[in-house]
Amino acid sequence: MLTAGMIGILVTMSMALLRCVLGPTPYDRILATNMFGTKTVLLIAVAGYYFGRPEWLDLAIVYALMNFIGTIAVMRFSRYGTLATDDQAKV
């Protein structure tokens, strides 16, 4: 059953990768990349359970945090053109 779940995750990862390449807008590409990262976290967690390696869950959590921070940084950069924008100065 876990093997089927891992195959399903790989299929959704390939669809996210396809959307990342063919996305009509940059925001679609960014969100598809975020989804790919989220599915990677899920795959690491399921594979860790499948192979009896619970320490892989720690790696999955670290990867999830990096994926989240990276997505926020890319979205901010695509909106403002820089990561060092002070929003309070614009008000």
PDB file of N, CA and C in Angstrom:
ATOM      1  N   MET A   1       0.819  -1.190   0.000  1.00  0.00           N
ATOM      2  CA  MET A   1       0.000   0.000   0.000  1.00  0.00           C
ATOM      3  C   MET A   1       0.870   1.264   0.000  1.00  0.00           C
ATOM      4  N   LEU A   2       1.958   1.224   0.746  1.00  0.00           N
ATOM      5  CA  LEU A   2       2.842   2.389   0.763  1.00  0.00           C
ATOM      6  C   LEU A   2       3.512   2.596  -0.590  1.00  0.00           C
ATOM      7  N   THR A   3       3.792   1.496  -1.282  1.00  0.00           N
ATOM      8  CA  THR A   3       4.394   1.613  -2.608  1.00  0.00           C
ATOM      9  C   THR A   3       3.443   2.333  -3.565  1.00  0.00           C
ATOM     10  N   ALA A   4       2.167   1.985  -3.490  1.00  0.00           N
ATOM     11  CA  ALA A   4       1.177   2.655  -4.340  1.00  0.00           C
ATOM     12  C   ALA A   4       1.076   4.142  -3.979  1.00  0.00           C
ATOM     13  N   GLY A   5       1.166   4.443  -2.698  1.00  0.00           N
ATOM     14  CA  GLY A   5       1.145   5.847  -2.276  1.00  0.00           C
ATOM     15  C   GLY A   5       2.349   6.610  -2.791  1.00  0.00           C
ATOM     16  N   MET A   6       3.517   5.972  -2.737  1.00  0.00           N
ATOM     17  CA  MET A   6       4.721   6.632  -3.244  1.00  0.00           C
ATOM     18  C   MET A   6       4.640   6.838  -4.751  1.00  0.00           C
ATOM     19  N   ILE A   7       4.072   5.887  -5.466  1.00  0.00           N
ATOM     20  CA  ILE A   7       3.900   6.046  -6.913  1.00  0.00           C
ATOM     21  C   ILE A   7       2.923   7.182  -7.201  1.00  0.00           C
ATOM     22  N   GLY A   8       1.858   7.269  -6.420  1.00  0.00           N
ATOM     23  CA  GLY A   8       0.904   8.367  -6.587  1.00  0.00           C
ATOM     24  C   GLY A   8       1.538   9.726  -6.336  1.00  0.00           C
ATOM     25  N   ILE A   9       2.390   9.801  -5.328  1.00  0.00           N
ATOM     26  CA  ILE A   9       3.087  11.049  -5.043  1.00  0.00           C
ATOM     27  C   ILE A   9       4.017  11.411  -6.198  1.00  0.00           C
ATOM     28  N   LEU A  10       4.715  10.416  -6.743  1.00  0.00           N
ATOM     29  CA  LEU A  10       5.599  10.674  -7.882  1.00  0.00           C
ATOM     30  C   LEU A  10       4.826  11.151  -9.105  1.00  0.00           C
ATOM     31  N   VAL A  11       3.626  10.611  -9.312  1.00  0.00           N
ATOM     32  CA  VAL A  11       2.792  11.053 -10.438  1.00  0.00           C
ATOM     33  C   VAL A  11       2.386  12.517 -10.250  1.00  0.00           C
ATOM     34  N   THR A  12       1.970  12.887  -9.041  1.00  0.00           N
ATOM     35  CA  THR A  12       1.582  14.278  -8.809  1.00  0.00           C
ATOM     36  C   THR A  12       2.790  15.208  -8.882  1.00  0.00           C
ATOM     37  N   MET A  13       3.960  14.701  -8.492  1.00  0.00           N
ATOM     38  CA  MET A  13       5.178  15.513  -8.627  1.00  0.00           C
ATOM     39  C   MET A  13       5.500  15.764 -10.093  1.00  0.00           C
ATOM     40  N   SER A  14       5.287  14.749 -10.938  1.00  0.00           N
ATOM     41  CA  SER A  14       5.549  14.938 -12.370  1.00  0.00           C
ATOM     42  C   SER A  14       4.545  15.917 -12.986  1.00  0.00           C
ATOM     43  N   MET A  15       3.297  15.883 -12.525  1.00  0.00           N
ATOM     44  CA  MET A  15       2.316  16.849 -13.021  1.00  0.00           C
ATOM     45  C   MET A  15       2.665  18.271 -12.572  1.00  0.00           C
ATOM     46  N   ALA A  16       3.159  18.415 -11.345  1.00  0.00           N
ATOM     47  CA  ALA A  16       3.576  19.738 -10.871  1.00  0.00           C
ATOM     48  C   ALA A  16       4.779  20.232 -11.659  1.00  0.00           C
ATOM     49  N   LEU A  17       5.690  19.332 -11.971  1.00  0.00           N
ATOM     50  CA  LEU A  17       6.856  19.713 -12.766  1.00  0.00           C
ATOM     51  C   LEU A  17       6.440  20.139 -14.174  1.00  0.00           C
ATOM     52  N   LEU A  18       5.464  19.448 -14.737  1.00  0.00           N
ATOM     53  CA  LEU A  18       4.945  19.823 -16.051  1.00  0.00           C
ATOM     54  C   LEU A  18       4.298  21.208 -16.008  1.00  0.00           C
ATOM     55  N   ARG A  19       3.532  21.481 -14.950  1.00  0.00           N
ATOM     56  CA  ARG A  19       2.904  22.805 -14.805  1.00  0.00           C
ATOM     57  C   ARG A  19       3.964  23.878 -14.587  1.00  0.00           C
ATOM     58  N   CYS A  20       5.049  23.514 -13.926  1.00  0.00           N
ATOM     59  CA  CYS A  20       6.129  24.468 -13.705  1.00  0.00           C
ATOM     60  C   CYS A  20       6.783  24.873 -15.023  1.00  0.00           C
ATOM     61  N   VAL A  21       6.859  23.948 -15.950  1.00  0.00           N
ATOM     62  CA  VAL A  21       7.464  24.241 -17.253  1.00  0.00           C
ATOM     63  C   VAL A  21       6.470  24.939 -18.178  1.00  0.00           C
ATOM     64  N   LEU A  22       5.215  24.501 -18.177  1.00  0.00           N
ATOM     65  CA  LEU A  22       4.230  24.998 -19.132  1.00  0.00           C
ATOM     66  C   LEU A  22       3.295  26.069 -18.572  1.00  0.00           C
ATOM     67  N   GLY A  23       3.472  26.465 -17.324  1.00  0.00           N
ATOM     68  CA  GLY A  23       2.543  27.410 -16.700  1.00  0.00           C
ATOM     69  C   GLY A  23       2.360  28.675 -17.512  1.00  0.00           C
ATOM     70  N   PRO A  24       1.122  29.148 -17.629  1.00  0.00           N
ATOM     71  CA  PRO A  24       0.896  30.340 -18.445  1.00  0.00           C
ATOM     72  C   PRO A  24       1.432  31.625 -17.809  1.00  0.00           C
ATOM     73  N   THR A  25       1.474  31.701 -16.483  1.00  0.00           N
ATOM     74  CA  THR A  25       1.958  32.903 -15.824  1.00  0.00           C
ATOM     75  C   THR A  25       3.096  32.545 -14.865  1.00  0.00           C
ATOM     76  N   PRO A  26       3.901  33.514 -14.518  1.00  0.00           N
ATOM     77  CA  PRO A  26       4.975  33.242 -13.545  1.00  0.00           C
ATOM     78  C   PRO A  26       4.440  32.782 -12.185  1.00  0.00           C
ATOM     79  N   TYR A  27       3.281  33.287 -11.783  1.00  0.00           N
ATOM     80  CA  TYR A  27       2.717  32.873 -10.498  1.00  0.00           C
ATOM     81  C   TYR A  27       2.312  31.398 -10.525  1.00  0.00           C
ATOM     82  N   ASP A  28       1.795  30.926 -11.658  1.00  0.00           N
ATOM     83  CA  ASP A  28       1.488  29.501 -11.789  1.00  0.00           C
ATOM     84  C   ASP A  28       2.751  28.664 -11.667  1.00  0.00           C
ATOM     85  N   ARG A  29       3.826  29.137 -12.242  1.00  0.00           N
ATOM     86  CA  ARG A  29       5.094  28.410 -12.165  1.00  0.00           C
ATOM     87  C   ARG A  29       5.629  28.382 -10.736  1.00  0.00           C
ATOM     88  N   ILE A  30       5.519  29.498 -10.040  1.00  0.00           N
ATOM     89  CA  ILE A  30       5.990  29.556  -8.656  1.00  0.00           C
ATOM     90  C   ILE A  30       5.170  28.633  -7.770  1.00  0.00           C
ATOM     91  N   LEU A  31       3.860  28.654  -7.925  1.00  0.00           N
ATOM     92  CA  LEU A  31       3.007  27.795  -7.121  1.00  0.00           C
ATOM     93  C   LEU A  31       3.214  26.320  -7.460  1.00  0.00           C
ATOM     94  N   ALA A  32       3.473  26.009  -8.714  1.00  0.00           N
ATOM     95  CA  ALA A  32       3.759  24.623  -9.094  1.00  0.00           C
ATOM     96  C   ALA A  32       5.078  24.164  -8.478  1.00  0.00           C
ATOM     97  N   THR A  33       6.053  25.055  -8.424  1.00  0.00           N
ATOM     98  CA  THR A  33       7.322  24.714  -7.782  1.00  0.00           C
ATOM     99  C   THR A  33       7.117  24.496  -6.290  1.00  0.00           C
ATOM    100  N   ASN A  34       6.288  25.310  -5.670  1.00  0.00           N
ATOM    101  CA  ASN A  34       5.965  25.128  -4.253  1.00  0.00           C
ATOM    102  C   ASN A  34       5.258  23.793  -4.029  1.00  0.00           C
ATOM    103  N   MET A  35       4.338  23.458  -4.908  1.00  0.00           N
ATOM    104  CA  MET A  35       3.640  22.180  -4.789  1.00  0.00           C
ATOM    105  C   MET A  35       4.598  21.012  -4.966  1.00  0.00           C
ATOM    106  N   PHE A  36       5.556  21.146  -5.885  1.00  0.00           N
ATOM    107  CA  PHE A  36       6.561  20.108  -6.081  1.00  0.00           C
ATOM    108  C   PHE A  36       7.373  19.909  -4.801  1.00  0.00           C
ATOM    109  N   GLY A  37       7.730  21.006  -4.155  1.00  0.00           N
ATOM    110  CA  GLY A  37       8.463  20.916  -2.897  1.00  0.00           C
ATOM    111  C   GLY A  37       7.643  20.274  -1.792  1.00  0.00           C
ATOM    112  N   THR A  38       6.359  20.597  -1.741  1.00  0.00           N
ATOM    113  CA  THR A  38       5.485  20.003  -0.745  1.00  0.00           C
ATOM    114  C   THR A  38       5.342  18.505  -0.971  1.00  0.00           C
ATOM    115  N   LYS A  39       5.198  18.098  -2.215  1.00  0.00           N
ATOM    116  CA  LYS A  39       5.105  16.661  -2.521  1.00  0.00           C
ATOM    117  C   LYS A  39       6.428  15.957  -2.235  1.00  0.00           C
ATOM    118  N   THR A  40       7.543  16.654  -2.376  1.00  0.00           N
ATOM    119  CA  THR A  40       8.833  16.073  -2.038  1.00  0.00           C
ATOM    120  C   THR A  40       8.920  15.810  -0.543  1.00  0.00           C
ATOM    121  N   VAL A  41       8.422  16.731   0.262  1.00  0.00           N
ATOM    122  CA  VAL A  41       8.381  16.540   1.713  1.00  0.00           C
ATOM    123  C   VAL A  41       7.544  15.311   2.051  1.00  0.00           C
ATOM    124  N   LEU A  42       6.399  15.192   1.412  1.00  0.00           N
ATOM    125  CA  LEU A  42       5.529  14.043   1.648  1.00  0.00           C
ATOM    126  C   LEU A  42       6.205  12.741   1.224  1.00  0.00           C
ATOM    127  N   LEU A  43       6.896  12.767   0.099  1.00  0.00           N
ATOM    128  CA  LEU A  43       7.594  11.573  -0.376  1.00  0.00           C
ATOM    129  C   LEU A  43       8.708  11.169   0.588  1.00  0.00           C
ATOM    130  N   ILE A  44       9.455  12.134   1.104  1.00  0.00           N
ATOM    131  CA  ILE A  44      10.517  11.831   2.069  1.00  0.00           C
ATOM    132  C   ILE A  44       9.927  11.216   3.336  1.00  0.00           C
ATOM    133  N   ALA A  45       8.818  11.757   3.805  1.00  0.00           N
ATOM    134  CA  ALA A  45       8.191  11.236   5.019  1.00  0.00           C
ATOM    135  C   ALA A  45       7.667   9.816   4.808  1.00  0.00           C
ATOM    136  N   VAL A  46       7.005   9.561   3.700  1.00  0.00           N
ATOM    137  CA  VAL A  46       6.466   8.224   3.426  1.00  0.00           C
ATOM    138  C   VAL A  46       7.602   7.227   3.201  1.00  0.00           C
ATOM    139  N   ALA A  47       8.640   7.638   2.485  1.00  0.00           N
ATOM    140  CA  ALA A  47       9.775   6.745   2.254  1.00  0.00           C
ATOM    141  C   ALA A  47      10.494   6.437   3.567  1.00  0.00           C
ATOM    142  N   GLY A  48      10.600   7.407   4.446  1.00  0.00           N
ATOM    143  CA  GLY A  48      11.204   7.165   5.751  1.00  0.00           C
ATOM    144  C   GLY A  48      10.422   6.152   6.561  1.00  0.00           C
ATOM    145  N   TYR A  49       9.112   6.235   6.503  1.00  0.00           N
ATOM    146  CA  TYR A  49       8.277   5.246   7.186  1.00  0.00           C
ATOM    147  C   TYR A  49       8.416   3.876   6.529  1.00  0.00           C
ATOM    148  N   TYR A  50       8.441   3.861   5.214  1.00  0.00           N
ATOM    149  CA  TYR A  50       8.522   2.605   4.455  1.00  0.00           C
ATOM    150  C   TYR A  50       9.835   1.868   4.724  1.00  0.00           C
ATOM    151  N   PHE A  51      10.932   2.601   4.777  1.00  0.00           N
ATOM    152  CA  PHE A  51      12.241   1.988   4.977  1.00  0.00           C
ATOM    153  C   PHE A  51      12.638   1.889   6.450  1.00  0.00           C
ATOM    154  N   GLY A  52      11.766   2.320   7.341  1.00  0.00           N
ATOM    155  CA  GLY A  52      12.054   2.230   8.765  1.00  0.00           C
ATOM    156  C   GLY A  52      13.111   3.213   9.233  1.00  0.00           C
ATOM    157  N   ARG A  53      13.130   4.392   8.652  1.00  0.00           N
ATOM    158  CA  ARG A  53      14.102   5.429   8.991  1.00  0.00           C
ATOM    159  C   ARG A  53      13.368   6.662   9.507  1.00  0.00           C
ATOM    160  N   PRO A  54      13.007   6.690  10.786  1.00  0.00           N
ATOM    161  CA  PRO A  54      12.233   7.830  11.312  1.00  0.00           C
ATOM    162  C   PRO A  54      12.994   9.154  11.289  1.00  0.00           C
ATOM    163  N   GLU A  55      14.326   9.101  11.207  1.00  0.00           N
ATOM    164  CA  GLU A  55      15.085  10.355  11.169  1.00  0.00           C
ATOM    165  C   GLU A  55      14.866  11.113   9.860  1.00  0.00           C
ATOM    166  N   TRP A  56      14.333  10.455   8.848  1.00  0.00           N
ATOM    167  CA  TRP A  56      14.027  11.144   7.590  1.00  0.00           C
ATOM    168  C   TRP A  56      12.916  12.172   7.777  1.00  0.00           C
ATOM    169  N   LEU A  57      12.096  11.991   8.801  1.00  0.00           N
ATOM    170  CA  LEU A  57      11.039  12.966   9.068  1.00  0.00           C
ATOM    171  C   LEU A  57      11.642  14.317   9.449  1.00  0.00           C
ATOM    172  N   ASP A  58      12.759  14.296  10.176  1.00  0.00           N
ATOM    173  CA  ASP A  58      13.446  15.551  10.494  1.00  0.00           C
ATOM    174  C   ASP A  58      13.926  16.240   9.218  1.00  0.00           C
ATOM    175  N   LEU A  59      14.464  15.466   8.297  1.00  0.00           N
ATOM    176  CA  LEU A  59      14.897  16.036   7.018  1.00  0.00           C
ATOM    177  C   LEU A  59      13.717  16.611   6.240  1.00  0.00           C
ATOM    178  N   ALA A  60      12.587  15.919   6.304  1.00  0.00           N
ATOM    179  CA  ALA A  60      11.396  16.411   5.608  1.00  0.00           C
ATOM    180  C   ALA A  60      10.930  17.738   6.193  1.00  0.00           C
ATOM    181  N   ILE A  61      10.999  17.877   7.518  1.00  0.00           N
ATOM    182  CA  ILE A  61      10.578  19.123   8.158  1.00  0.00           C
ATOM    183  C   ILE A  61      11.515  20.268   7.774  1.00  0.00           C
ATOM    184  N   VAL A  62      12.812  20.011   7.755  1.00  0.00           N
ATOM    185  CA  VAL A  62      13.775  21.041   7.355  1.00  0.00           C
ATOM    186  C   VAL A  62      13.536  21.442   5.905  1.00  0.00           C
ATOM    187  N   TYR A  63      13.292  20.455   5.035  1.00  0.00           N
ATOM    188  CA  TYR A  63      13.022  20.757   3.630  1.00  0.00           C
ATOM    189  C   TYR A  63      11.736  21.564   3.485  1.00  0.00           C
ATOM    190  N   ALA A  64      10.728  21.255   4.298  1.00  0.00           N
ATOM    191  CA  ALA A  64       9.475  22.015   4.239  1.00  0.00           C
ATOM    192  C   ALA A  64       9.693  23.469   4.627  1.00  0.00           C
ATOM    193  N   LEU A  65      10.500  23.705   5.653  1.00  0.00           N
ATOM    194  CA  LEU A  65      10.785  25.084   6.055  1.00  0.00           C
ATOM    195  C   LEU A  65      11.555  25.823   4.972  1.00  0.00           C
ATOM    196  N   MET A  66      12.528  25.160   4.364  1.00  0.00           N
ATOM    197  CA  MET A  66      13.282  25.803   3.280  1.00  0.00           C
ATOM    198  C   MET A  66      12.378  26.085   2.084  1.00  0.00           C
ATOM    199  N   ASN A  67      11.467  25.169   1.778  1.00  0.00           N
ATOM    200  CA  ASN A  67      10.535  25.361   0.679  1.00  0.00           C
ATOM    201  C   ASN A  67       9.628  26.556   0.947  1.00  0.00           C
ATOM    202  N   PHE A  68       9.130  26.678   2.166  1.00  0.00           N
ATOM    203  CA  PHE A  68       8.252  27.785   2.520  1.00  0.00           C
ATOM    204  C   PHE A  68       8.984  29.124   2.423  1.00  0.00           C
ATOM    205  N   ILE A  69      10.162  29.205   3.020  1.00  0.00           N
ATOM    206  CA  ILE A  69      10.926  30.453   3.004  1.00  0.00           C
ATOM    207  C   ILE A  69      11.330  30.823   1.571  1.00  0.00           C
ATOM    208  N   GLY A  70      11.719  29.830   0.787  1.00  0.00           N
ATOM    209  CA  GLY A  70      12.087  30.092  -0.605  1.00  0.00           C
ATOM    210  C   GLY A  70      10.923  30.602  -1.427  1.00  0.00           C
ATOM    211  N   THR A  71       9.754  30.034  -1.219  1.00  0.00           N
ATOM    212  CA  THR A  71       8.572  30.482  -1.961  1.00  0.00           C
ATOM    213  C   THR A  71       8.202  31.918  -1.583  1.00  0.00           C
ATOM    214  N   ILE A  72       8.249  32.235  -0.301  1.00  0.00           N
ATOM    215  CA  ILE A  72       7.951  33.592   0.135  1.00  0.00           C
ATOM    216  C   ILE A  72       8.957  34.578  -0.458  1.00  0.00           C
ATOM    217  N   ALA A  73      10.235  34.189  -0.477  1.00  0.00           N
ATOM    218  CA  ALA A  73      11.268  35.075  -1.027  1.00  0.00           C
ATOM    219  C   ALA A  73      11.064  35.307  -2.518  1.00  0.00           C
ATOM    220  N   VAL A  74      10.744  34.263  -3.258  1.00  0.00           N
ATOM    221  CA  VAL A  74      10.541  34.409  -4.708  1.00  0.00           C
ATOM    222  C   VAL A  74       9.300  35.247  -4.993  1.00  0.00           C
ATOM    223  N   MET A  75       8.231  35.027  -4.249  1.00  0.00           N
ATOM    224  CA  MET A  75       7.018  35.827  -4.452  1.00  0.00           C
ATOM    225  C   MET A  75       7.275  37.300  -4.127  1.00  0.00           C
ATOM    226  N   ARG A  76       8.014  37.560  -3.058  1.00  0.00           N
ATOM    227  CA  ARG A  76       8.330  38.944  -2.696  1.00  0.00           C
ATOM    228  C   ARG A  76       9.210  39.588  -3.762  1.00  0.00           C
ATOM    229  N   PHE A  77      10.191  38.833  -4.251  1.00  0.00           N
ATOM    230  CA  PHE A  77      11.073  39.367  -5.276  1.00  0.00           C
ATOM    231  C   PHE A  77      10.304  39.641  -6.568  1.00  0.00           C
ATOM    232  N   SER A  78       9.364  38.757  -6.927  1.00  0.00           N
ATOM    233  CA  SER A  78       8.611  38.966  -8.162  1.00  0.00           C
ATOM    234  C   SER A  78       7.661  40.154  -8.046  1.00  0.00           C
ATOM    235  N   ARG A  79       7.244  40.479  -6.836  1.00  0.00           N
ATOM    236  CA  ARG A  79       6.337  41.618  -6.677  1.00  0.00           C
ATOM    237  C   ARG A  79       7.088  42.941  -6.558  1.00  0.00           C
ATOM    238  N   TYR A  80       8.138  42.979  -5.730  1.00  0.00           N
ATOM    239  CA  TYR A  80       8.828  44.237  -5.459  1.00  0.00           C
ATOM    240  C   TYR A  80      10.124  44.410  -6.236  1.00  0.00           C
ATOM    241  N   GLY A  81      10.674  43.349  -6.767  1.00  0.00           N
ATOM    242  CA  GLY A  81      11.928  43.436  -7.497  1.00  0.00           C
ATOM    243  C   GLY A  81      13.157  43.376  -6.617  1.00  0.00           C
ATOM    244  N   THR A  82      12.955  43.293  -5.311  1.00  0.00           N
ATOM    245  CA  THR A  82      14.057  43.173  -4.366  1.00  0.00           C
ATOM    246  C   THR A  82      13.543  42.496  -3.102  1.00  0.00           C
ATOM    247  N   LEU A  83      14.451  41.960  -2.323  1.00  0.00           N
ATOM    248  CA  LEU A  83      14.051  41.344  -1.060  1.00  0.00           C
ATOM    249  C   LEU A  83      14.187  42.291   0.116  1.00  0.00           C
ATOM    250  N   ALA A  84      14.804  43.449  -0.099  1.00  0.00           N
ATOM    251  CA  ALA A  84      15.096  44.376   0.984  1.00  0.00           C
ATOM    252  C   ALA A  84      14.143  45.565   1.015  1.00  0.00           C
ATOM    253  N   THR A  85      12.908  45.390   0.577  1.00  0.00           N
ATOM    254  CA  THR A  85      11.940  46.476   0.561  1.00  0.00           C
ATOM    255  C   THR A  85      11.371  46.694   1.950  1.00  0.00           C
ATOM    256  N   ASP A  86      11.302  47.950   2.351  1.00  0.00           N
ATOM    257  CA  ASP A  86      10.684  48.312   3.621  1.00  0.00           C
ATOM    258  C   ASP A  86       9.258  48.770   3.324  1.00  0.00           C
ATOM    259  N   ASP A  87       8.282  47.965   3.689  1.00  0.00           N
ATOM    260  CA  ASP A  87       6.882  48.286   3.380  1.00  0.00           C
ATOM    261  C   ASP A  87       6.383  49.497   4.171  1.00  0.00           C
ATOM    262  N   GLN A  88       6.952  49.767   5.342  1.00  0.00           N
ATOM    263  CA  GLN A  88       6.485  50.886   6.159  1.00  0.00           C
ATOM    264  C   GLN A  88       6.839  52.236   5.526  1.00  0.00           C
ATOM    265  N   ALA A  89       7.913  52.280   4.769  1.00  0.00           N
ATOM    266  CA  ALA A  89       8.327  53.543   4.155  1.00  0.00           C
ATOM    267  C   ALA A  89       7.403  53.958   3.024  1.00  0.00           C
ATOM    268  N   LYS A  90       6.684  53.022   2.443  1.00  0.00           N
ATOM    269  CA  LYS A  90       5.797  53.326   1.307  1.00  0.00           C
ATOM    270  C   LYS A  90       4.448  53.868   1.767  1.00  0.00           C
ATOM    271  N   VAL A  91       4.107  53.695   3.030  1.00  0.00           N
ATOM    272  CA  VAL A  91       2.784  54.095   3.506  1.00  0.00           C
ATOM    273  C   VAL A  91       2.693  55.551   3.728  1.00  0.00           C
TER     274      VAL A  91
END
